[in-house]
Protein backbone atom coordinates (compact mmCIF):
# COMPACT_ATOMS: atom_id res chain seq x y z
CA UNK A 1 -5.02 -16.34 -106.18
CA UNK A 2 -2.06 -15.75 -104.38
CA UNK A 3 -3.70 -13.19 -102.29
CA UNK A 4 -6.23 -15.64 -101.05
CA UNK A 5 -3.65 -17.94 -99.66
CA UNK A 6 -2.23 -15.27 -97.47
CA UNK A 7 -5.53 -14.40 -95.93
CA UNK A 8 -6.84 -17.88 -95.51
CA UNK A 9 -6.77 -19.60 -92.21
CA UNK A 10 -5.50 -23.09 -92.06
CA UNK A 11 -7.46 -24.95 -89.45
CA UNK A 12 -4.81 -27.59 -88.89
CA UNK A 13 -2.21 -25.02 -88.21
CA UNK A 14 -4.47 -23.38 -85.63
CA UNK A 15 -5.14 -26.70 -83.92
CA UNK A 16 -1.44 -27.64 -83.92
CA UNK A 17 -0.54 -24.18 -82.59
CA UNK A 18 -3.10 -24.61 -79.82
CA UNK A 19 -1.72 -28.07 -79.05
CA UNK A 20 1.82 -26.65 -79.03
CA UNK A 21 0.62 -23.90 -76.73
CA UNK A 22 -0.99 -26.42 -74.34
CA UNK A 23 2.11 -28.62 -74.36
CA UNK A 24 4.31 -25.60 -73.84
CA UNK A 25 2.02 -24.48 -71.02
CA UNK A 26 2.19 -27.89 -69.34
CA UNK A 27 5.98 -28.03 -69.70
CA UNK A 28 6.37 -24.50 -68.32
CA UNK A 29 3.92 -25.31 -65.55
CA UNK A 30 5.72 -28.51 -64.67
CA UNK A 31 9.32 -27.28 -64.93
CA UNK A 32 8.96 -23.59 -64.07
CA UNK A 33 5.72 -22.79 -62.29
CA UNK A 34 5.85 -25.57 -59.66
CA UNK A 35 9.55 -24.99 -58.73
CA UNK A 36 9.04 -21.25 -58.64
CA UNK A 37 5.96 -21.79 -56.51
CA UNK A 38 8.02 -24.04 -54.20
CA UNK A 39 10.76 -21.42 -53.96
CA UNK A 40 8.19 -18.73 -53.24
CA UNK A 41 6.53 -20.95 -50.59
CA UNK A 42 9.94 -21.64 -49.03
CA UNK A 43 10.74 -17.92 -49.01
CA UNK A 44 7.34 -17.18 -47.52
CA UNK A 45 7.92 -19.81 -44.83
CA UNK A 46 11.36 -18.33 -44.14
CA UNK A 47 9.90 -14.81 -43.90
CA UNK A 48 7.13 -16.09 -41.64
CA UNK A 49 9.78 -17.77 -39.46
CA UNK A 50 11.76 -14.54 -39.27
CA UNK A 51 8.60 -12.67 -38.29
CA UNK A 52 7.82 -15.28 -35.64
CA UNK A 53 11.37 -15.02 -34.29
CA UNK A 54 11.09 -11.24 -34.25
CA UNK A 55 7.75 -11.46 -32.44
CA UNK A 56 9.23 -13.94 -29.95
CA UNK A 57 12.25 -11.67 -29.40
CA UNK A 58 9.89 -8.74 -28.89
CA UNK A 59 7.83 -10.71 -26.36
CA UNK A 60 11.00 -11.75 -24.52
CA UNK A 61 12.27 -8.17 -24.53
CA UNK A 62 8.95 -6.94 -23.16
CA UNK A 63 8.99 -9.69 -20.51
CA UNK A 64 12.54 -8.72 -19.52
CA UNK A 65 11.57 -5.06 -19.48
CA UNK A 66 8.61 -5.85 -17.22
CA UNK A 67 10.84 -8.02 -15.02
CA UNK A 68 13.47 -5.28 -14.72
CA UNK A 69 10.79 -2.70 -14.10
CA UNK A 70 9.42 -4.85 -11.29
CA UNK A 71 12.93 -5.36 -9.89
CA UNK A 72 13.56 -1.62 -10.03
CA UNK A 73 10.29 -0.99 -8.22
CA UNK A 74 11.26 -3.51 -5.53
CA UNK A 75 14.73 -1.98 -5.34
CA UNK A 76 13.24 1.47 -4.87
CA UNK A 77 10.90 0.14 -2.19
CA UNK A 78 13.82 -1.56 -0.42
CA UNK A 79 15.90 1.61 -0.67
CA UNK A 80 13.02 3.64 0.75
CA UNK A 81 12.62 1.10 3.57
CA UNK A 82 16.36 1.23 4.31
CA UNK A 83 16.30 5.03 4.35
CA UNK A 84 13.21 4.93 6.59
CA UNK A 85 14.90 2.51 9.02
CA UNK A 86 18.08 4.59 9.01
CA UNK A 87 16.07 7.76 9.68
CA UNK A 88 14.19 6.09 12.52
CA UNK A 89 17.44 4.72 13.96
CA UNK A 90 19.06 8.15 13.70
CA UNK A 91 16.02 9.69 15.38
CA UNK A 92 16.17 7.16 18.22
CA UNK A 93 19.91 7.68 18.54
CA UNK A 94 19.53 11.46 18.60
CA UNK A 95 16.75 11.14 21.19
CA UNK A 96 18.97 8.91 23.33
CA UNK A 97 21.90 11.29 22.96
CA UNK A 98 19.69 14.27 23.84
CA UNK A 99 18.26 12.44 26.86
CA UNK A 100 21.77 11.52 27.99
CA UNK A 101 22.95 15.11 27.49
CA UNK A 102 19.95 16.42 29.44
CA UNK A 103 20.63 13.96 32.24
CA UNK A 104 24.28 14.97 32.33
CA UNK A 105 23.33 18.66 32.29
CA UNK A 106 20.84 18.08 35.13
CA UNK A 107 23.54 16.23 37.07
CA UNK A 108 26.01 19.04 36.49
CA UNK A 109 23.44 21.63 37.57
CA UNK A 110 22.56 19.54 40.64
CA UNK A 111 26.23 19.13 41.49
CA UNK A 112 26.85 22.86 41.01
CA UNK A 113 23.90 23.67 43.30
CA UNK A 114 25.19 21.22 45.89
CA UNK A 115 28.65 22.73 45.68
CA UNK A 116 27.17 26.23 45.95
CA UNK A 117 25.19 25.18 49.04
CA UNK A 118 28.27 23.61 50.57
CA UNK A 119 30.37 26.70 49.78
CA UNK A 120 27.66 28.94 51.20
CA UNK A 121 27.42 26.81 54.33
CA UNK A 122 31.21 26.96 54.72
CA UNK A 123 31.15 30.71 54.16
CA UNK A 124 28.32 31.15 56.66
CA UNK A 125 30.17 29.00 59.19
CA UNK A 126 33.33 31.03 58.60
CA UNK A 127 31.40 34.26 59.03
CA UNK A 128 29.81 32.90 62.25
CA UNK A 129 33.21 32.01 63.59
CA UNK A 130 34.52 35.45 62.76
CA UNK A 131 31.49 37.19 64.20
CA UNK A 132 31.73 35.04 67.30
CA UNK A 133 35.36 35.92 67.77
CA UNK A 134 34.82 39.64 67.17
CA UNK A 135 31.69 39.79 69.30
CA UNK A 136 33.42 37.89 72.14
CA UNK A 137 36.23 40.38 72.14
CA UNK A 138 33.83 43.29 71.90
CA UNK A 139 31.60 41.96 74.64
CA UNK A 140 34.61 41.26 76.81
CA UNK A 141 35.85 44.76 76.43
CA UNK A 142 32.43 46.24 76.99
CA UNK A 143 31.56 44.24 80.01
CA UNK A 144 35.03 44.16 81.27
CA UNK A 145 34.77 40.59 82.09
CA UNK A 146 35.05 37.36 80.29
CA UNK A 147 31.98 35.46 79.03
CA UNK A 148 32.00 31.70 79.09
CA UNK A 149 31.91 29.81 75.79
CA UNK A 150 28.39 28.43 76.16
CA UNK A 151 26.78 31.79 76.85
CA UNK A 152 28.78 33.30 74.05
CA UNK A 153 27.58 30.67 71.52
CA UNK A 154 23.94 31.12 72.49
CA UNK A 155 24.20 34.90 72.09
CA UNK A 156 25.87 34.53 68.68
CA UNK A 157 23.37 31.94 67.43
CA UNK A 158 20.43 34.12 68.47
CA UNK A 159 22.04 37.14 66.78
CA UNK A 160 22.65 35.22 63.55
CA UNK A 161 19.11 33.84 63.66
CA UNK A 162 17.72 37.35 63.95
CA UNK A 163 19.91 38.47 61.03
CA UNK A 164 18.70 35.56 58.85
CA UNK A 165 15.10 36.31 59.76
CA UNK A 166 15.52 39.96 58.88
CA UNK A 167 17.26 39.06 55.58
CA UNK A 168 14.50 36.55 54.72
CA UNK A 169 11.86 39.20 55.39
CA UNK A 170 13.64 41.64 53.05
CA UNK A 171 13.68 39.22 50.17
């Protein structure tokens, strides 16, 4: 009979074991499961907060990047505008300098032409005087008499006029 006692199931022991198991489950649930669940919820909330902070930092970084990108675009546009204005100013300045240089060159050329005309007129007058003197002497010797100044001038002027006409016809 001994062997039957080992194999037999005692119903009271099973019920008490189940009750112990339920009590143990309730105690573990109350003292362990709920605090662990609270800790896990707190950790989850903390992790969610960190993610939200990271997302907010990312949004701020993107906003700053966009802001700096916009500022750089405006800076480039301003730099281009400044370069454009400087180029235009330099072009106007160079045009003014060129115009001034051309005007000065034209004035110098005009002055040189005037001086050349004056020098030519002086040379022609000197040559006339010389020719008049030589021709008066020559005429006096040829004619053997002296010619008055007025007749002499008219002869010289007509001679020079004929020479200028013949030179103008050659050119």
